[in-house]
Each structure stands twice: as C-alpha cells, then as structure tokens.
C-alpha cells in the first residue's frame, strides 16, 4: 500500500466525494450474500486533520481503486480517532445464494496476507435466526454464522417460550412462535444492552466515545425494526411496550447444572414478583440512550414507535418523525455509522420461494486467513442456503388464548318448563339418554363446549 495514498485517502473528505460501495438489497429481490473481511490493521492520520466526524464520511470508500469481480477493497470506521481500517467487501447485491459466485469472489479477493474477521450479510427468516441465537447462547459452533461473540455477550436477551406463561397481550405459550421470539429477543437485546455498552450513569446511558449499539449483539439487523415488526405484527395484538415489559422479566441462559442446556432465569433488573407472576418495575420505561454530542432517545419511545409503525430520521442532533423513515434506534445510529437498520424496510426472498424476509449482518465470526477465503465463502453460502431450506415456510399463526366456555351464551331452558324440575329424580347410571321428545337443549342450538384449560405454563466495531 503506497504511503502517499493514505494521505490522499484522508484528504478525500475535503477534496472530493469518495467512491462508495453499494449498500442496498439485490435489485431483483433474490437472496444475496455479502461479506466484509476486517482486520486489526489500521490506517492512521498522523497529521490529525481528519477527526471522527469527518473520517466517518469515508466509510466504504474504495481504496486505490482496488476492486474485481464482485469484490472491493474499502475502508471502515473504527473506535480510535484519526484511524480507519481496511476491509474487503464481497458484494452481496450481486452475489446470489447458491450460485457458486460467493466462493469465486472469495478466491478472487484472496490476494493479501493478513488475518481477517468476516461479517456475513444475508436475508434470514426470523425463526432461523432464533435457532442460531440458541446455539449462540450455548456456545455451539456448528454453524459458520455463529461467531466468537458466543464466548462473551453475543445475544444479550434470549426470550423463551415460557415468558408467555401468563399469556401477555393474550398470546399463549403455544401461540408464541419462534419468529415472534426472535423479534422480541432482538428488541430486548438492544434495550437491555444499552446498560452495558454505555457509561454507568443510571439516568442516561451515554455511549462510550467511538462505541456503537451494533456491539450489543452479533446478529445486527440491516433491515430496520419497523421492517422486522412487519414480519410478526399480525401475531402480536395489543400494546408492544406492555408486552416487552413482561418479556423483559425472563431470560434464557445456560443452566447452572448443565451448561449444555438452556434454563429460564428471572431478571430482577426489570421486574419483581416471580416467574409465575411477574411485575415490571418500570425500569425499561426510564432508560435513555445518547450519542456523545448527538441525539438522545428513550427506550420506551423507541418501542412505542415500532408498535405504531412510525418512521424517524436524524435532523442535526435531533431525532424527528419522518414519513418513510426508520425506527428511532436506527435513526440514532445515523449519528455513528448508520449500520443498524440502514436498509430501512428492505427484504429479500428466501431461496427458491417468493417469501420475503429481513436482512442481517452476522458479526464477530471466527477469523480466517486469505488462503481460506474461498473455503469460508463456500461454507457461508452453504449455511445460508441450508437455513433457507430448513425454514422456507413462515411459522403458522396459531390461535391466541382459548375462549373459555363461560364466554358462550348459556343454553336456555325449554319455554314454560323449569330448567331443573324439583320433582324430577336424578337419572340412574343405567338410564339411557333423554328421548328426542325431551331434548337437553333447544333444537338447532348446540350445547356450550367444554372449557379449554390454559396451560401454565466482542467487542470490535
């Protein structure tokens, strides 16, 4: 890499608009797979003339016009000021899942000697994501899309089915499908994660300088949360924030007795009571999240905005409602690098179907050397294709809480005849059913059905 180019790179902000790589879903909607190969190597602005607010504009700039078939050599922003990181981007807008182009692009781009940390972007059904989240929690590395974040934070909040044991919002444990669990897990991962990626001010969580909320989970939605909610809102009646307050009372973690199994724990940070009778303590409603020198949002306002389907955009240092905008958290992330929800409501198809699903970036994946790029890309392509086949069909919407028999109209007695004549003796055990001339109910009206009892239930940007 020519030293003079580094100076030219940092001067690009003032000199001319940088050449940017595509950041949008596939034009035809077919499922694409894109990968970013990152490294610990850094370009440094030793003259200190390009502070973070300017160097952020260089994200995805093409380096020295180095590009080839379906790949580009670009720069990415990092936590350190006056520094940028090189990365190879394998273009997910052109590489299609299952086409073999992924491995070919990996082979073509493998012309360097450093160790790289890949990040895969691909469309993924929410219920498939939930399966990956469970593997993540158990530190099971049987899928190339489950990264080394599994040894640290990985997935902040994994919502179990038993979180619906009290049927919040009328959603029973049976009706809580895996796509709903994945959506709730993502929302609560970012809501709860704001307590860990920020300063320890209990009133207002200010992101640490150079940090980002994308460090909260290894499964970063590139489709915004409004787009994620579109996938499941037909299955979530009632107020979304009220539901999240109840679900925040539970968390799924490896069992203390057997680390190979997941167990339910009660989260006393957000609730009092018990797992059988949770009582939200209001903490979720009070959390605010801020970017240093930038905008602030309340977690409650963010979740309420998702439930109402409202769009927002960043205007200066303020998040304002905007038609066609993103959810509030994705809008706040525009003050950093716009990674979270950067594709708004964009979706792509599940392989071989017309079903459209959101896009995710799978982060903190195990590092690979350039000599392994072709093999990695083949494995990543195969992993996405297999998940698409295994979860080709959306989970069926199940009925909510069963309607008890008491909600049905009671069967009236025959006119001019007492419902239970006092003189009529009880029928002996061997007595046949009442003859047709003396029906138990009025003709044409069935008896009320019996009740259906409710079942109780890493941190590198």
Protein backbone atom coordinates (compact mmCIF):
# COMPACT_ATOMS: atom_id res chain seq x y z
CA UNK A 1 0.00 0.00 0.00
CA UNK A 2 1.59 3.27 -1.08
CA UNK A 3 2.13 5.67 1.85
CA UNK A 4 1.07 8.60 -0.30
CA UNK A 5 -2.33 7.02 -0.76
CA UNK A 6 -3.02 7.18 2.99
CA UNK A 7 -2.67 10.97 2.85
CA UNK A 8 -4.86 11.07 -0.24
CA UNK A 9 -7.46 8.92 1.47
CA UNK A 10 -7.85 11.22 4.46
CA UNK A 11 -7.84 14.25 2.17
CA UNK A 12 -10.75 12.81 0.19
CA UNK A 13 -13.29 14.35 2.53
CA UNK A 14 -12.21 17.86 1.61
CA UNK A 15 -11.18 17.17 -1.97
CA UNK A 16 -14.00 15.12 -3.49
CA UNK A 17 -16.76 12.69 -2.72
CA UNK A 18 -15.30 9.22 -2.04
CA UNK A 19 -16.23 6.26 -4.22
CA UNK A 20 -18.67 4.21 -2.16
CA UNK A 21 -19.63 0.55 -2.40
CA UNK A 22 -23.30 -0.44 -2.81
CA UNK A 23 -25.32 -0.77 0.36
CA UNK A 24 -28.76 -1.93 -0.69
CA UNK A 25 -30.60 -5.22 -1.23
CA UNK A 26 -30.49 -7.11 -4.51
CA UNK A 27 -32.26 -5.40 -7.38
CA UNK A 28 -34.39 -8.43 -8.25
CA UNK A 29 -35.18 -9.45 -4.66
CA UNK A 30 -33.41 -12.81 -4.95
CA UNK A 31 -31.39 -13.72 -1.83
CA UNK A 32 -27.87 -12.33 -1.88
CA UNK A 33 -24.93 -13.00 0.41
CA UNK A 34 -22.34 -10.33 1.16
CA UNK A 35 -19.28 -10.50 3.40
CA UNK A 36 -16.94 -7.94 4.97
CA UNK A 37 -13.44 -9.19 5.79
CA UNK A 38 -11.99 -6.96 8.53
CA UNK A 39 -8.56 -6.81 10.15
CA UNK A 40 -6.75 -5.22 13.10
CA UNK A 41 -4.51 -3.29 10.70
CA UNK A 42 -5.13 0.50 10.79
CA UNK A 43 -4.55 3.48 8.52
CA UNK A 44 -3.55 6.47 10.68
CA UNK A 45 -3.94 10.18 10.00
CA UNK A 46 -0.75 11.33 11.69
CA UNK A 47 -1.38 14.94 10.78
CA UNK A 48 -4.55 14.79 12.89
CA UNK A 49 -6.50 16.77 10.29
CA UNK A 50 -9.39 14.36 9.90
CA UNK A 51 -11.34 13.94 13.17
CA UNK A 52 -14.00 11.30 13.60
CA UNK A 53 -16.90 13.41 12.35
CA UNK A 54 -15.05 13.71 9.01
CA UNK A 55 -13.41 10.30 8.81
CA UNK A 56 -16.83 8.70 9.30
CA UNK A 57 -17.71 10.08 5.86
CA UNK A 58 -15.06 7.81 4.35
CA UNK A 59 -16.81 4.59 5.36
CA UNK A 60 -16.94 2.20 2.36
CA UNK A 61 -14.58 4.38 0.29
CA UNK A 62 -12.74 2.42 -2.39
CA UNK A 63 -9.01 2.12 -1.66
CA UNK A 64 -6.66 2.87 -4.55
CA UNK A 65 -9.31 1.67 -7.00
CA UNK A 66 -8.69 -1.93 -5.91
CA UNK A 67 -11.67 -3.99 -6.99
CA UNK A 68 -12.54 -7.03 -9.03
CA UNK A 69 -15.38 -9.35 -9.89
CA UNK A 70 -17.88 -8.89 -7.03
CA UNK A 71 -15.34 -7.56 -4.53
CA UNK A 72 -13.92 -4.17 -3.46
CA UNK A 73 -11.12 -3.11 -1.12
CA UNK A 74 -12.54 -0.33 1.08
CA UNK A 75 -12.15 1.37 4.46
CA UNK A 76 -14.29 1.16 7.56
CA UNK A 77 -14.59 3.39 10.61
CA UNK A 78 -13.18 2.24 13.96
CA UNK A 79 -13.33 3.28 17.60
CA UNK A 80 -9.97 5.07 17.54
CA UNK A 81 -9.97 8.65 16.31
CA UNK A 82 -7.78 9.59 13.33
CA UNK A 83 -7.74 5.96 12.18
CA UNK A 84 -9.50 3.84 9.58
CA UNK A 85 -9.45 0.10 8.95
CA UNK A 86 -9.15 -1.64 5.58
CA UNK A 87 -11.71 -4.26 4.67
CA UNK A 88 -12.61 -6.34 1.68
CA UNK A 89 -16.29 -6.24 0.78
CA UNK A 90 -17.73 -9.09 -1.26
CA UNK A 91 -20.74 -7.51 -2.91
CA UNK A 92 -23.99 -9.03 -1.61
CA UNK A 93 -26.01 -7.01 -4.12
CA UNK A 94 -24.55 -9.17 -6.92
CA UNK A 95 -23.54 -12.49 -5.30
CA UNK A 96 -26.61 -14.74 -5.10
CA UNK A 97 -27.08 -17.51 -2.55
CA UNK A 98 -26.48 -20.96 -4.03
CA UNK A 99 -24.99 -19.68 -7.30
CA UNK A 100 -21.36 -20.50 -6.53
CA UNK A 101 -20.39 -16.83 -7.00
CA UNK A 102 -19.58 -16.48 -3.30
CA UNK A 103 -16.65 -18.92 -3.40
CA UNK A 104 -15.41 -17.45 -6.70
CA UNK A 105 -15.44 -13.93 -5.24
CA UNK A 106 -13.58 -15.16 -2.15
CA UNK A 107 -10.93 -16.75 -4.34
CA UNK A 108 -10.56 -13.62 -6.49
CA UNK A 109 -10.21 -11.33 -3.47
CA UNK A 110 -7.69 -13.50 -1.61
CA UNK A 111 -4.58 -11.57 -2.65
CA UNK A 112 -3.33 -10.37 0.73
CA UNK A 113 -1.52 -11.96 3.67
CA UNK A 114 -3.34 -10.73 6.78
CA UNK A 115 -5.84 -12.46 9.02
CA UNK A 116 -9.36 -11.15 8.52
CA UNK A 117 -12.57 -11.16 10.55
CA UNK A 118 -15.51 -11.79 8.22
CA UNK A 119 -19.02 -10.43 8.65
CA UNK A 120 -21.75 -12.03 6.57
CA UNK A 121 -24.84 -10.15 5.38
CA UNK A 122 -27.76 -12.20 4.09
CA UNK A 123 -31.56 -12.42 4.24
CA UNK A 124 -32.73 -14.67 7.05
CA UNK A 125 -36.13 -15.82 8.35
CA UNK A 126 -36.64 -14.71 11.94
CA UNK A 127 -37.31 -18.24 13.14
CA UNK A 128 -33.99 -19.37 11.59
CA UNK A 129 -32.30 -16.52 13.44
CA UNK A 130 -33.82 -17.78 16.69
CA UNK A 131 -32.26 -21.20 16.10
CA UNK A 132 -28.87 -19.52 15.65
CA UNK A 133 -29.42 -17.44 18.79
CA UNK A 134 -29.95 -20.59 20.85
CA UNK A 135 -26.74 -22.12 19.51
CA UNK A 136 -25.05 -18.82 20.31
CA UNK A 137 -26.16 -18.94 23.94
CA UNK A 138 -24.87 -22.49 24.31
CA UNK A 139 -21.54 -21.62 22.62
CA UNK A 140 -22.27 -24.23 19.95
CA UNK A 141 -20.06 -23.54 16.94
CA UNK A 142 -21.78 -25.88 14.49
CA UNK A 143 -22.63 -23.07 12.08
CA UNK A 144 -20.23 -20.66 10.41
CA UNK A 145 -22.72 -17.84 11.12
CA UNK A 146 -22.29 -18.25 14.90
CA UNK A 147 -19.22 -16.24 15.86
CA UNK A 148 -16.84 -15.94 18.78
CA UNK A 149 -19.12 -13.44 20.48
CA UNK A 150 -20.75 -16.59 21.82
CA UNK A 151 -17.98 -16.62 24.45
CA UNK A 152 -18.89 -13.13 25.71
CA UNK A 153 -22.11 -11.19 25.19
CA UNK A 154 -23.35 -12.50 21.84
CA UNK A 155 -27.08 -12.30 22.39
CA UNK A 156 -27.98 -10.07 25.33
CA UNK A 157 -31.56 -11.24 25.71
CA UNK A 158 -32.93 -14.56 24.51
CA UNK A 159 -36.69 -14.70 25.13
CA UNK A 160 -38.03 -18.19 25.97
CA UNK A 161 -41.47 -19.57 25.17
CA UNK A 162 -42.18 -19.75 28.90
CA UNK A 163 -42.04 -15.95 29.01
CA UNK A 164 -45.59 -16.25 27.65
CA UNK A 165 -46.78 -18.48 30.52
CA UNK A 166 -49.08 -15.70 31.76
CA UNK A 167 -50.37 -15.05 28.20
CA UNK A 168 -49.29 -11.38 27.99
CA UNK A 169 -51.28 -9.45 25.37
CA UNK A 170 -53.40 -12.58 25.01
CA UNK A 171 -50.51 -14.54 23.45
CA UNK A 172 -50.33 -18.03 24.94
CA UNK A 173 -47.17 -20.06 25.22
CA UNK A 174 -48.38 -22.24 22.34
CA UNK A 175 -49.12 -19.23 20.13
CA UNK A 176 -45.65 -17.71 20.69
CA UNK A 177 -43.88 -18.88 17.53
CA UNK A 178 -40.13 -18.71 17.02
CA UNK A 179 -40.29 -15.68 14.72
CA UNK A 180 -42.04 -13.73 17.50
CA UNK A 181 -39.41 -14.95 19.99
CA UNK A 182 -36.61 -13.80 17.67
CA UNK A 183 -38.16 -10.36 17.21
CA UNK A 184 -38.64 -9.91 20.96
CA UNK A 185 -35.10 -11.15 21.61
CA UNK A 186 -33.64 -8.57 19.23
CA UNK A 187 -35.65 -5.68 20.69
CA UNK A 188 -34.75 -6.62 24.26
CA UNK A 189 -31.11 -7.32 23.35
CA UNK A 190 -30.74 -3.70 22.31
CA UNK A 191 -32.92 -2.37 25.14
CA UNK A 192 -31.07 -4.30 27.84
CA UNK A 193 -27.76 -3.98 26.04
CA UNK A 194 -27.90 -0.22 26.42
CA UNK A 195 -26.98 -0.82 30.06
CA UNK A 196 -23.69 -2.45 29.04
CA UNK A 197 -22.36 -0.56 26.01
CA UNK A 198 -22.70 2.81 27.71
CA UNK A 199 -21.38 4.79 30.64
CA UNK A 200 -22.74 3.81 34.02
CA UNK A 201 -24.92 6.88 34.56
CA UNK A 202 -28.19 5.26 35.75
CA UNK A 203 -30.34 8.10 34.44
CA UNK A 204 -28.96 8.47 30.93
CA UNK A 205 -26.88 5.87 29.12
CA UNK A 206 -24.31 7.79 27.05
CA UNK A 207 -22.50 5.64 24.51
CA UNK A 208 -18.78 5.48 25.16
CA UNK A 209 -16.78 7.55 22.63
CA UNK A 210 -16.20 5.52 19.49
CA UNK A 211 -18.65 2.84 20.60
CA UNK A 212 -21.82 1.75 18.86
CA UNK A 213 -25.01 -0.06 19.72
CA UNK A 214 -24.14 -2.58 17.00
CA UNK A 215 -21.74 -4.11 19.52
CA UNK A 216 -24.76 -5.18 21.55
CA UNK A 217 -25.42 -8.39 19.63
CA UNK A 218 -23.72 -10.48 16.98
CA UNK A 219 -26.93 -10.53 14.93
CA UNK A 220 -27.31 -6.96 13.68
CA UNK A 221 -30.45 -6.18 11.70
CA UNK A 222 -29.71 -4.34 8.45
CA UNK A 223 -33.45 -4.17 7.90
CA UNK A 224 -34.79 -1.70 10.45
CA UNK A 225 -37.02 -2.67 13.37
CA UNK A 226 -40.14 -1.41 11.61
CA UNK A 227 -39.37 -3.91 8.87
CA UNK A 228 -38.79 -6.66 11.44
CA UNK A 229 -42.10 -5.85 13.10
CA UNK A 230 -43.86 -6.11 9.73
CA UNK A 231 -42.92 -9.80 9.79
CA UNK A 232 -44.73 -10.58 13.07
CA UNK A 233 -47.21 -7.80 13.89
CA UNK A 234 -50.19 -9.94 12.84
CA UNK A 235 -49.23 -12.25 15.73
CA UNK A 236 -48.78 -9.50 18.35
CA UNK A 237 -52.04 -7.88 19.48
CA UNK A 238 -52.19 -5.05 21.99
CA UNK A 239 -49.53 -2.61 23.15
CA UNK A 240 -45.99 -3.60 22.11
CA UNK A 241 -44.21 -1.90 25.01
CA UNK A 242 -46.51 -3.55 27.58
CA UNK A 243 -45.61 -6.91 26.07
CA UNK A 244 -41.87 -6.15 26.15
CA UNK A 245 -42.08 -5.14 29.81
CA UNK A 246 -43.38 -8.59 30.69
CA UNK A 247 -40.95 -10.44 28.44
CA UNK A 248 -38.05 -8.47 29.96
CA UNK A 249 -38.72 -10.34 33.21
CA UNK A 250 -37.31 -13.54 31.72
CA UNK A 251 -34.01 -14.56 30.21
CA UNK A 252 -32.72 -17.80 28.76
CA UNK A 253 -29.19 -18.70 29.83
CA UNK A 254 -27.10 -21.89 30.07
CA UNK A 255 -28.22 -23.97 33.04
CA UNK A 256 -26.04 -23.86 36.15
CA UNK A 257 -26.40 -27.63 36.46
CA UNK A 258 -25.75 -28.44 32.80
CA UNK A 259 -24.06 -25.82 30.61
CA UNK A 260 -25.22 -27.71 27.53
CA UNK A 261 -28.85 -26.88 28.25
CA UNK A 262 -30.74 -23.61 28.46
CA UNK A 263 -32.69 -22.65 31.58
CA UNK A 264 -35.08 -19.81 32.43
CA UNK A 265 -33.92 -17.13 34.85
CA UNK A 266 -35.87 -14.25 36.36
CA UNK A 267 -34.42 -10.82 35.56
CA UNK A 268 -34.70 -8.76 38.74
CA UNK A 269 -33.21 -5.74 36.97
CA UNK A 270 -36.54 -5.16 35.28
CA UNK A 271 -39.12 -7.00 37.39
CA UNK A 272 -40.31 -8.02 40.81
CA UNK A 273 -42.55 -10.94 41.68
CA UNK A 274 -41.91 -14.44 40.40
CA UNK A 275 -41.69 -16.25 37.09
CA UNK A 276 -45.31 -17.31 37.59
CA UNK A 277 -46.45 -13.77 38.45
CA UNK A 278 -44.02 -11.18 37.05
CA UNK A 279 -44.44 -7.49 37.89
CA UNK A 280 -42.49 -4.98 35.74
CA UNK A 281 -40.74 -2.42 37.95
CA UNK A 282 -40.81 0.38 35.36
CA UNK A 283 -37.05 0.33 34.69
CA UNK A 284 -37.44 -0.39 30.98
CA UNK A 285 -39.54 2.76 30.58
CA UNK A 286 -36.93 5.06 32.13
CA UNK A 287 -33.81 4.13 30.14
CA UNK A 288 -32.49 6.84 27.84
CA UNK A 289 -29.71 6.33 25.32
CA UNK A 290 -27.46 9.11 23.98
CA UNK A 291 -24.66 9.57 21.48
CA UNK A 292 -21.90 11.89 22.76
CA UNK A 293 -22.68 15.33 21.37
CA UNK A 294 -25.59 13.83 19.47
CA UNK A 295 -29.20 12.72 19.83
CA UNK A 296 -30.97 11.04 22.74
CA UNK A 297 -33.85 8.57 22.75
CA UNK A 298 -35.95 6.85 25.38
CA UNK A 299 -36.20 3.09 25.01
CA UNK A 300 -39.94 3.30 25.64
CA UNK A 301 -40.41 5.87 22.85
CA UNK A 302 -38.39 3.65 20.51
CA UNK A 303 -40.54 0.57 21.19
CA UNK A 304 -43.78 2.58 21.09
CA UNK A 305 -42.71 3.99 17.72
CA UNK A 306 -42.17 0.48 16.35
CA UNK A 307 -45.61 -0.57 17.56
CA UNK A 308 -47.18 2.46 15.89
CA UNK A 309 -45.27 1.92 12.65
CA UNK A 310 -43.75 5.42 12.77
CA UNK A 311 -40.67 6.43 10.82
CA UNK A 312 -37.92 8.76 12.08
CA UNK A 313 -34.83 10.47 10.72
CA UNK A 314 -31.86 12.28 12.22
CA UNK A 315 -32.04 16.05 11.81
CA UNK A 316 -28.96 17.69 13.26
CA UNK A 317 -28.77 16.35 16.79
CA UNK A 318 -32.48 15.58 17.00
CA UNK A 319 -34.49 12.52 16.00
CA UNK A 320 -37.66 13.71 14.28
CA UNK A 321 -40.66 11.85 12.95
CA UNK A 322 -40.34 11.42 9.19
CA UNK A 323 -42.59 9.74 6.66
CA UNK A 324 -40.75 6.75 5.23
CA UNK A 325 -38.04 6.98 7.90
CA UNK A 326 -36.54 4.30 10.13
CA UNK A 327 -37.29 3.28 13.69
CA UNK A 328 -35.80 5.61 16.34
CA UNK A 329 -32.80 3.42 17.25
CA UNK A 330 -31.81 3.05 13.60
CA UNK A 331 -32.19 6.82 13.19
CA UNK A 332 -29.98 7.40 16.24
CA UNK A 333 -27.34 5.10 14.73
CA UNK A 334 -27.08 7.50 11.78
CA UNK A 335 -25.11 9.71 14.17
CA UNK A 336 -22.48 6.91 14.28
CA UNK A 337 -22.31 4.96 11.02
CA UNK A 338 -25.87 4.06 10.10
CA UNK A 339 -25.26 0.31 10.22
CA UNK A 340 -28.28 -0.69 12.34
CA UNK A 341 -31.40 -0.72 10.16
CA UNK A 342 -29.52 1.03 7.38
CA UNK A 343 -31.62 -0.69 4.70
CA UNK A 344 -34.90 0.55 6.21
CA UNK A 345 -37.73 -1.91 5.46
CA UNK A 346 -35.80 -3.77 2.73
CA UNK A 347 -36.30 -7.52 2.36
CA UNK A 348 -35.10 -10.27 0.04
CA UNK A 349 -36.53 -13.63 -0.90
CA UNK A 350 -35.96 -16.94 0.83
CA UNK A 351 -34.05 -19.14 -1.59
CA UNK A 352 -36.39 -20.85 -4.06
CA UNK A 353 -39.54 -19.14 -2.74
CA UNK A 354 -41.41 -15.87 -3.03
CA UNK A 355 -41.33 -15.34 0.74
CA UNK A 356 -39.52 -12.11 1.67
CA UNK A 357 -37.50 -11.83 4.87
CA UNK A 358 -35.28 -9.19 6.55
CA UNK A 359 -31.52 -8.89 6.15
CA UNK A 360 -28.98 -9.35 8.96
CA UNK A 361 -25.27 -8.90 9.43
CA UNK A 362 -23.69 -11.81 11.27
CA UNK A 363 -20.84 -10.29 13.26
CA UNK A 364 -17.82 -11.42 15.29
CA UNK A 365 -17.30 -14.51 13.14
CA UNK A 366 -14.17 -16.60 13.57
CA UNK A 367 -11.14 -15.11 11.82
CA UNK A 368 -9.80 -16.59 8.59
CA UNK A 369 -6.59 -16.15 6.57
CA UNK A 370 -6.82 -15.02 2.99
CA UNK A 371 -5.88 -18.52 1.84
CA UNK A 372 -9.13 -19.69 3.47
CA UNK A 373 -11.45 -17.13 1.86
CA UNK A 374 -12.71 -19.39 -0.89
CA UNK A 375 -13.48 -22.17 1.59
CA UNK A 376 -15.11 -19.73 4.03
CA UNK A 377 -17.33 -18.24 1.35
CA UNK A 378 -18.44 -21.71 0.26
CA UNK A 379 -19.28 -22.64 3.87
CA UNK A 380 -21.14 -19.37 4.44
CA UNK A 381 -23.11 -19.79 1.21
CA UNK A 382 -23.99 -23.38 2.15
CA UNK A 383 -25.03 -22.33 5.66
CA UNK A 384 -27.40 -19.62 4.41
CA UNK A 385 -28.86 -21.92 1.74
CA UNK A 386 -29.47 -24.70 4.29
CA UNK A 387 -31.22 -22.34 6.72
CA UNK A 388 -33.40 -21.09 3.85
CA UNK A 389 -34.37 -24.66 3.01
CA UNK A 390 -35.00 -25.64 6.63
CA UNK A 391 -37.10 -22.55 7.32
CA UNK A 392 -38.65 -21.94 3.91
CA UNK A 393 -42.18 -21.50 5.26
CA UNK A 394 -43.23 -18.92 7.82
CA UNK A 395 -44.49 -20.32 11.15
CA UNK A 396 -48.24 -20.78 11.08
CA UNK A 397 -50.22 -18.24 13.06
CA UNK A 398 -51.82 -20.05 15.96
CA UNK A 399 -54.89 -19.03 17.91
CA UNK A 400 -54.41 -16.84 20.92
CA UNK A 401 -55.69 -17.71 24.40
CA UNK A 402 -58.58 -20.25 24.07
CA UNK A 403 -62.02 -18.80 24.73
CA UNK A 404 -63.49 -20.34 27.91
CA UNK A 405 -66.97 -21.85 27.91
CA UNK A 406 -68.21 -19.08 30.21
CA UNK A 407 -67.93 -16.69 27.24
CA UNK A 408 -70.55 -18.65 25.28
CA UNK A 409 -74.29 -17.89 25.77
CA UNK A 410 -75.91 -20.29 28.17
CA UNK A 411 -78.46 -22.72 26.76
CA UNK A 412 -81.94 -21.57 27.78
CA UNK A 413 -84.46 -23.99 29.27
CA UNK A 414 -87.48 -25.20 27.30
CA UNK A 415 -90.27 -22.50 27.40
CA UNK A 416 -92.87 -22.83 30.23
CA UNK A 417 -90.85 -25.59 31.84
CA UNK A 418 -88.43 -25.19 34.75
CA UNK A 419 -84.79 -25.79 33.79
CA UNK A 420 -84.49 -28.34 36.62
CA UNK A 421 -87.91 -29.51 37.81
CA UNK A 422 -87.60 -30.23 41.53
CA UNK A 423 -89.82 -33.30 41.31
CA UNK A 424 -87.73 -34.95 38.62
CA UNK A 425 -85.46 -37.64 40.12
CA UNK A 426 -81.83 -37.91 39.10
CA UNK A 427 -81.22 -40.32 36.27
CA UNK A 428 -79.83 -43.68 37.41
CA UNK A 429 -76.46 -44.67 35.95
CA UNK A 430 -78.02 -47.22 33.61
CA UNK A 431 -80.77 -44.96 32.32
CA UNK A 432 -80.49 -44.24 28.57
CA UNK A 433 -80.17 -40.70 27.25
CA UNK A 434 -83.25 -38.49 27.23
CA UNK A 435 -85.63 -39.28 24.31
CA UNK A 436 -85.93 -36.87 21.38
CA UNK A 437 -89.23 -35.50 22.76
CA UNK A 438 -87.43 -34.08 25.78
CA UNK A 439 -84.15 -32.60 24.41
CA UNK A 440 -81.47 -31.34 26.75
CA UNK A 441 -81.15 -28.20 24.66
CA UNK A 442 -83.28 -26.25 22.27
CA UNK A 443 -83.24 -27.83 18.78
CA UNK A 444 -80.75 -26.20 16.44
CA UNK A 445 -78.53 -24.79 19.25
CA UNK A 446 -75.54 -26.88 20.36
CA UNK A 447 -74.56 -27.16 23.96
CA UNK A 448 -71.79 -24.89 25.15
CA UNK A 449 -68.42 -26.51 24.50
CA UNK A 450 -66.33 -27.53 27.48
CA UNK A 451 -63.62 -25.15 28.64
CA UNK A 452 -60.20 -25.49 27.09
CA UNK A 453 -57.93 -25.02 30.14
CA UNK A 454 -54.99 -22.64 29.70
CA UNK A 455 -51.63 -24.29 30.09
CA UNK A 456 -49.29 -22.79 32.56
CA UNK A 457 -47.10 -22.79 31.52
CA UNK A 458 -16.61 -8.95 21.47
CA UNK A 459 -16.08 -6.03 21.09
CA UNK A 460 -14.94 -4.71 17.84
CA UNK A 461 -16.91 -2.41 15.58
